[in-house]
Amino acid sequence: MKRILFFILLAFVLSACDQQEQNRNTTLIEKQEGIIGQIGQKLDGCQLLVIPSTKEEDISNKSVEELVRMAQQKDGAYYYVTTDVANDLEVGTQVKVYWNGSQNDSDPPQRTAEKIEIVMKLD
């Protein structure tokens, strides 16, 4: 009887460990496509304001406040990136940004970019 109980307990522990490992390996990755409306310097990198469903001409000659309002209306977000990544980007570039699904509560939300793909660069 003790052996059977031991094997049941062992099977339970091993299945729980396997489930935790699977949860760690299936990180939620989400993406957003939009145009970079602003690039700001931060202490440890840069912050991109990405605005979906927008064209370059829609953001030209806009103040920071107007760009933020536009991002709020179109479900845009701020993305933290390293300075090296930001150096390859410019305002008006259309990008796809991938992040892990977590964000800071603000409007627009603040996220950390896992990967950035350039969809269309400026001429």
N, C-alpha and C. Protein backbone atom coordinates (compact mmCIF):
# COMPACT_ATOMS: atom_id res chain seq x y z
N MET A 1 0.82 -1.19 0.00
CA MET A 1 0.00 0.00 0.00
C MET A 1 0.87 1.26 0.00
N LYS A 2 1.98 1.22 0.76
CA LYS A 2 2.87 2.39 0.81
C LYS A 2 3.52 2.63 -0.54
N ARG A 3 3.84 1.54 -1.26
CA ARG A 3 4.45 1.69 -2.58
C ARG A 3 3.49 2.35 -3.56
N ILE A 4 2.25 1.93 -3.54
CA ILE A 4 1.26 2.51 -4.45
C ILE A 4 1.08 3.99 -4.15
N LEU A 5 0.98 4.33 -2.87
CA LEU A 5 0.83 5.72 -2.47
C LEU A 5 2.06 6.53 -2.88
N PHE A 6 3.25 5.96 -2.74
CA PHE A 6 4.48 6.63 -3.13
C PHE A 6 4.48 6.92 -4.63
N PHE A 7 4.10 5.92 -5.46
CA PHE A 7 4.09 6.11 -6.91
C PHE A 7 3.05 7.13 -7.35
N ILE A 8 1.91 7.15 -6.71
CA ILE A 8 0.88 8.15 -7.02
C ILE A 8 1.40 9.55 -6.70
N LEU A 9 2.02 9.70 -5.54
CA LEU A 9 2.58 10.98 -5.13
C LEU A 9 3.69 11.41 -6.07
N LEU A 10 4.55 10.48 -6.47
CA LEU A 10 5.65 10.78 -7.38
C LEU A 10 5.11 11.22 -8.75
N ALA A 11 4.09 10.52 -9.25
CA ALA A 11 3.49 10.89 -10.53
C ALA A 11 2.88 12.28 -10.47
N PHE A 12 2.24 12.61 -9.36
CA PHE A 12 1.63 13.94 -9.18
C PHE A 12 2.69 15.03 -9.20
N VAL A 13 3.79 14.83 -8.48
CA VAL A 13 4.86 15.83 -8.41
C VAL A 13 5.51 16.02 -9.78
N LEU A 14 5.78 14.92 -10.47
CA LEU A 14 6.42 15.03 -11.79
C LEU A 14 5.51 15.72 -12.80
N SER A 15 4.23 15.44 -12.77
CA SER A 15 3.32 16.10 -13.72
C SER A 15 3.21 17.59 -13.41
N ALA A 16 3.26 17.96 -12.15
CA ALA A 16 3.21 19.38 -11.77
C ALA A 16 4.46 20.10 -12.25
N CYS A 17 5.61 19.47 -12.13
CA CYS A 17 6.86 20.08 -12.60
C CYS A 17 6.84 20.25 -14.11
N ASP A 18 6.34 19.25 -14.83
CA ASP A 18 6.25 19.32 -16.28
C ASP A 18 5.32 20.46 -16.71
N GLN A 19 4.22 20.66 -16.02
CA GLN A 19 3.28 21.73 -16.35
C GLN A 19 3.91 23.10 -16.15
N GLN A 20 4.69 23.26 -15.07
CA GLN A 20 5.36 24.54 -14.83
C GLN A 20 6.36 24.84 -15.94
N GLU A 21 7.09 23.84 -16.39
CA GLU A 21 8.06 24.03 -17.46
C GLU A 21 7.37 24.42 -18.76
N GLN A 22 6.23 23.80 -19.05
CA GLN A 22 5.49 24.15 -20.26
C GLN A 22 4.99 25.59 -20.18
N ASN A 23 4.54 26.03 -19.02
CA ASN A 23 4.07 27.41 -18.87
C ASN A 23 5.18 28.40 -19.11
N ARG A 24 6.41 28.09 -18.67
CA ARG A 24 7.54 28.98 -18.87
C ARG A 24 7.91 29.08 -20.34
N ASN A 25 7.74 28.00 -21.09
CA ASN A 25 8.16 27.96 -22.48
C ASN A 25 7.14 28.53 -23.45
N THR A 26 5.93 28.77 -23.02
CA THR A 26 4.89 29.29 -23.92
C THR A 26 4.58 30.74 -23.57
N THR A 27 5.58 31.59 -23.68
CA THR A 27 5.41 33.01 -23.42
C THR A 27 4.49 33.59 -24.49
N LEU A 28 3.53 34.36 -24.04
CA LEU A 28 2.58 34.99 -24.95
C LEU A 28 3.28 36.10 -25.72
N ILE A 29 3.26 36.01 -27.03
CA ILE A 29 3.83 37.06 -27.86
C ILE A 29 2.69 37.69 -28.65
N GLU A 30 2.60 39.00 -28.54
CA GLU A 30 1.60 39.74 -29.28
C GLU A 30 2.32 40.71 -30.21
N LYS A 31 1.60 41.22 -31.19
CA LYS A 31 2.23 42.18 -32.12
C LYS A 31 1.28 43.32 -32.43
N GLN A 32 1.89 44.42 -32.81
CA GLN A 32 1.14 45.60 -33.22
C GLN A 32 1.89 46.21 -34.40
N GLU A 33 1.14 46.60 -35.42
CA GLU A 33 1.73 47.27 -36.56
C GLU A 33 1.29 48.72 -36.55
N GLY A 34 2.21 49.60 -36.85
CA GLY A 34 1.89 51.02 -36.87
C GLY A 34 3.08 51.84 -37.32
N ILE A 35 2.91 53.14 -37.23
CA ILE A 35 3.96 54.06 -37.63
C ILE A 35 4.58 54.68 -36.38
N ILE A 36 5.88 54.89 -36.42
CA ILE A 36 6.55 55.52 -35.28
C ILE A 36 6.23 57.01 -35.31
N GLY A 37 5.56 57.48 -34.27
CA GLY A 37 5.18 58.88 -34.19
C GLY A 37 6.16 59.72 -33.40
N GLN A 38 6.93 59.05 -32.54
CA GLN A 38 7.87 59.77 -31.68
C GLN A 38 8.92 58.80 -31.18
N ILE A 39 10.15 59.28 -31.03
CA ILE A 39 11.23 58.52 -30.41
C ILE A 39 11.79 59.39 -29.30
N GLY A 40 11.72 58.89 -28.07
CA GLY A 40 12.20 59.65 -26.93
C GLY A 40 13.32 58.94 -26.21
N GLN A 41 14.24 59.70 -25.67
CA GLN A 41 15.35 59.14 -24.90
C GLN A 41 14.93 58.84 -23.47
N LYS A 42 15.36 57.73 -22.94
CA LYS A 42 15.15 57.35 -21.55
C LYS A 42 16.51 57.05 -20.95
N LEU A 43 16.57 56.91 -19.64
CA LEU A 43 17.84 56.64 -18.97
C LEU A 43 18.52 55.39 -19.48
N ASP A 44 17.75 54.32 -19.68
CA ASP A 44 18.33 53.03 -20.04
C ASP A 44 17.98 52.59 -21.45
N GLY A 45 17.61 53.50 -22.31
CA GLY A 45 17.26 53.15 -23.68
C GLY A 45 16.40 54.23 -24.31
N CYS A 46 15.46 53.81 -25.14
CA CYS A 46 14.58 54.74 -25.83
C CYS A 46 13.14 54.25 -25.76
N GLN A 47 12.24 55.16 -26.06
CA GLN A 47 10.82 54.85 -26.04
C GLN A 47 10.22 55.28 -27.38
N LEU A 48 9.57 54.32 -28.05
CA LEU A 48 8.92 54.60 -29.33
C LEU A 48 7.42 54.73 -29.10
N LEU A 49 6.80 55.71 -29.70
CA LEU A 49 5.35 55.81 -29.70
C LEU A 49 4.88 55.28 -31.04
N VAL A 50 4.20 54.12 -31.02
CA VAL A 50 3.73 53.48 -32.25
C VAL A 50 2.22 53.69 -32.36
N ILE A 51 1.81 54.24 -33.51
CA ILE A 51 0.41 54.58 -33.74
C ILE A 51 -0.10 53.74 -34.92
N PRO A 52 -1.06 52.84 -34.67
CA PRO A 52 -1.61 52.01 -35.75
C PRO A 52 -2.50 52.83 -36.70
N SER A 53 -2.74 52.26 -37.87
CA SER A 53 -3.68 52.82 -38.86
C SER A 53 -3.42 54.30 -39.12
N THR A 54 -2.16 54.63 -39.33
CA THR A 54 -1.76 56.02 -39.52
C THR A 54 -0.74 56.09 -40.65
N LYS A 55 -0.73 57.21 -41.37
CA LYS A 55 0.23 57.44 -42.44
C LYS A 55 1.22 58.51 -41.97
N GLU A 56 2.33 58.55 -42.64
CA GLU A 56 3.37 59.52 -42.29
C GLU A 56 2.83 60.95 -42.32
N GLU A 57 2.03 61.26 -43.33
CA GLU A 57 1.51 62.63 -43.42
C GLU A 57 0.56 62.98 -42.28
N ASP A 58 -0.05 61.95 -41.64
CA ASP A 58 -0.95 62.20 -40.50
C ASP A 58 -0.20 62.67 -39.25
N ILE A 59 1.10 62.34 -39.18
CA ILE A 59 1.84 62.70 -37.96
C ILE A 59 2.75 63.91 -38.15
N SER A 60 2.94 64.33 -39.40
CA SER A 60 3.85 65.46 -39.62
C SER A 60 3.27 66.74 -39.03
N ASN A 61 4.15 67.54 -38.48
CA ASN A 61 3.80 68.83 -37.87
C ASN A 61 2.83 68.71 -36.70
N LYS A 62 2.83 67.59 -35.99
CA LYS A 62 1.98 67.40 -34.81
C LYS A 62 2.82 67.59 -33.56
N SER A 63 2.20 68.16 -32.54
CA SER A 63 2.88 68.30 -31.25
C SER A 63 2.88 66.95 -30.55
N VAL A 64 3.67 66.83 -29.50
CA VAL A 64 3.72 65.59 -28.72
C VAL A 64 2.34 65.27 -28.17
N GLU A 65 1.63 66.27 -27.68
CA GLU A 65 0.29 66.07 -27.12
C GLU A 65 -0.68 65.53 -28.18
N GLU A 66 -0.58 66.07 -29.40
CA GLU A 66 -1.45 65.61 -30.49
C GLU A 66 -1.13 64.16 -30.87
N LEU A 67 0.16 63.82 -30.89
CA LEU A 67 0.55 62.44 -31.20
C LEU A 67 0.06 61.47 -30.13
N VAL A 68 0.15 61.88 -28.87
CA VAL A 68 -0.33 61.02 -27.77
C VAL A 68 -1.84 60.83 -27.88
N ARG A 69 -2.57 61.90 -28.16
CA ARG A 69 -4.03 61.78 -28.34
C ARG A 69 -4.37 60.84 -29.49
N MET A 70 -3.63 60.97 -30.59
CA MET A 70 -3.85 60.11 -31.74
C MET A 70 -3.59 58.64 -31.36
N ALA A 71 -2.52 58.40 -30.62
CA ALA A 71 -2.19 57.03 -30.17
C ALA A 71 -3.29 56.50 -29.24
N GLN A 72 -3.81 57.33 -28.36
CA GLN A 72 -4.88 56.91 -27.46
C GLN A 72 -6.13 56.51 -28.24
N GLN A 73 -6.47 57.27 -29.25
CA GLN A 73 -7.67 57.01 -30.05
C GLN A 73 -7.52 55.76 -30.92
N LYS A 74 -6.30 55.44 -31.32
CA LYS A 74 -6.07 54.33 -32.24
C LYS A 74 -5.43 53.12 -31.56
N ASP A 75 -5.48 53.07 -30.22
CA ASP A 75 -4.89 51.96 -29.45
C ASP A 75 -3.40 51.80 -29.69
N GLY A 76 -2.70 52.91 -29.80
CA GLY A 76 -1.25 52.87 -29.92
C GLY A 76 -0.61 52.61 -28.58
N ALA A 77 0.72 52.53 -28.56
CA ALA A 77 1.44 52.23 -27.33
C ALA A 77 2.86 52.76 -27.40
N TYR A 78 3.45 52.93 -26.21
CA TYR A 78 4.87 53.22 -26.08
C TYR A 78 5.61 51.88 -25.97
N TYR A 79 6.76 51.77 -26.64
CA TYR A 79 7.58 50.57 -26.57
C TYR A 79 8.99 50.95 -26.17
N TYR A 80 9.50 50.28 -25.14
CA TYR A 80 10.88 50.48 -24.72
C TYR A 80 11.79 49.62 -25.58
N VAL A 81 12.86 50.23 -26.08
CA VAL A 81 13.87 49.53 -26.87
C VAL A 81 15.25 50.01 -26.44
N THR A 82 16.27 49.27 -26.83
CA THR A 82 17.63 49.72 -26.54
C THR A 82 17.99 50.87 -27.46
N THR A 83 18.98 51.62 -27.09
CA THR A 83 19.43 52.75 -27.91
C THR A 83 19.92 52.25 -29.26
N ASP A 84 20.58 51.09 -29.29
CA ASP A 84 21.07 50.53 -30.56
C ASP A 84 19.92 50.27 -31.53
N VAL A 85 18.83 49.72 -31.02
CA VAL A 85 17.66 49.46 -31.87
C VAL A 85 17.07 50.77 -32.35
N ALA A 86 16.93 51.74 -31.46
CA ALA A 86 16.33 53.03 -31.82
C ALA A 86 17.17 53.77 -32.85
N ASN A 87 18.48 53.58 -32.82
CA ASN A 87 19.35 54.27 -33.79
C ASN A 87 19.07 53.85 -35.22
N ASP A 88 18.49 52.66 -35.42
CA ASP A 88 18.16 52.18 -36.76
C ASP A 88 16.76 52.58 -37.21
N LEU A 89 16.05 53.32 -36.37
CA LEU A 89 14.67 53.70 -36.66
C LEU A 89 14.53 55.21 -36.73
N GLU A 90 13.45 55.66 -37.38
CA GLU A 90 13.16 57.08 -37.40
C GLU A 90 11.65 57.31 -37.41
N VAL A 91 11.29 58.50 -36.98
CA VAL A 91 9.87 58.87 -36.97
C VAL A 91 9.33 58.74 -38.39
N GLY A 92 8.15 58.13 -38.51
CA GLY A 92 7.51 57.94 -39.81
C GLY A 92 7.71 56.54 -40.39
N THR A 93 8.59 55.75 -39.79
CA THR A 93 8.83 54.38 -40.25
C THR A 93 7.68 53.49 -39.81
N GLN A 94 7.18 52.67 -40.71
CA GLN A 94 6.13 51.72 -40.36
C GLN A 94 6.79 50.44 -39.86
N VAL A 95 6.33 49.97 -38.69
CA VAL A 95 6.96 48.82 -38.03
C VAL A 95 5.92 47.83 -37.52
N LYS A 96 6.38 46.60 -37.27
CA LYS A 96 5.64 45.61 -36.50
C LYS A 96 6.43 45.41 -35.23
N VAL A 97 5.76 45.58 -34.09
CA VAL A 97 6.43 45.43 -32.79
C VAL A 97 5.84 44.22 -32.09
N TYR A 98 6.71 43.35 -31.59
CA TYR A 98 6.29 42.16 -30.85
C TYR A 98 6.64 42.38 -29.38
N TRP A 99 5.72 42.01 -28.48
CA TRP A 99 5.97 42.12 -27.05
C TRP A 99 5.33 40.93 -26.36
N ASN A 100 5.66 40.74 -25.08
CA ASN A 100 5.27 39.51 -24.37
C ASN A 100 3.87 39.55 -23.77
N GLY A 101 3.09 40.55 -24.05
CA GLY A 101 1.72 40.61 -23.55
C GLY A 101 1.55 41.39 -22.27
N SER A 102 2.64 41.70 -21.59
CA SER A 102 2.50 42.49 -20.36
C SER A 102 2.75 43.96 -20.68
N GLN A 103 2.12 44.83 -19.89
CA GLN A 103 2.24 46.26 -20.12
C GLN A 103 1.98 47.03 -18.84
N ASN A 104 2.51 48.24 -18.79
CA ASN A 104 2.21 49.14 -17.67
C ASN A 104 0.89 49.84 -17.97
N ASP A 105 0.10 49.99 -16.94
CA ASP A 105 -1.19 50.67 -17.10
C ASP A 105 -0.97 52.16 -17.25
N SER A 106 -1.20 52.63 -18.41
CA SER A 106 -1.19 54.06 -18.72
C SER A 106 -1.94 54.20 -20.04
N ASP A 107 -2.14 55.40 -20.48
CA ASP A 107 -2.84 55.61 -21.74
C ASP A 107 -2.06 56.61 -22.56
N PRO A 108 -1.34 56.19 -23.58
CA PRO A 108 -1.17 54.86 -24.13
C PRO A 108 -0.37 53.95 -23.20
N PRO A 109 -0.58 52.63 -23.33
CA PRO A 109 0.15 51.69 -22.48
C PRO A 109 1.64 51.69 -22.79
N GLN A 110 2.42 51.21 -21.84
CA GLN A 110 3.87 51.13 -22.00
C GLN A 110 4.26 49.66 -22.00
N ARG A 111 5.01 49.27 -23.01
CA ARG A 111 5.40 47.87 -23.19
C ARG A 111 6.89 47.80 -23.51
N THR A 112 7.45 46.61 -23.36
CA THR A 112 8.84 46.38 -23.74
C THR A 112 8.85 45.58 -25.03
N ALA A 113 9.49 46.11 -26.06
CA ALA A 113 9.54 45.43 -27.35
C ALA A 113 10.49 44.24 -27.27
N GLU A 114 10.01 43.09 -27.73
CA GLU A 114 10.84 41.90 -27.82
C GLU A 114 11.54 41.86 -29.17
N LYS A 115 10.85 42.37 -30.21
CA LYS A 115 11.38 42.33 -31.57
C LYS A 115 10.68 43.41 -32.37
N ILE A 116 11.41 44.01 -33.30
CA ILE A 116 10.82 45.03 -34.18
C ILE A 116 11.19 44.69 -35.62
N GLU A 117 10.17 44.66 -36.47
CA GLU A 117 10.38 44.46 -37.90
C GLU A 117 10.01 45.75 -38.62
N ILE A 118 10.86 46.18 -39.52
CA ILE A 118 10.54 47.36 -40.33
C ILE A 118 9.69 46.90 -41.50
N VAL A 119 8.50 47.47 -41.61
CA VAL A 119 7.58 47.15 -42.71
C VAL A 119 7.88 48.03 -43.90
N MET A 120 8.05 49.34 -43.64
CA MET A 120 8.34 50.28 -44.71
C MET A 120 9.13 51.44 -44.13
N LYS A 121 10.31 51.66 -44.72
CA LYS A 121 11.16 52.77 -44.30
C LYS A 121 10.81 54.01 -45.09
N LEU A 122 11.20 55.15 -44.55
CA LEU A 122 11.04 56.41 -45.27
C LEU A 122 11.97 56.44 -46.47
N ASP A 123 11.59 57.18 -47.48
CA ASP A 123 12.43 57.30 -48.69
C ASP A 123 13.64 58.15 -48.42
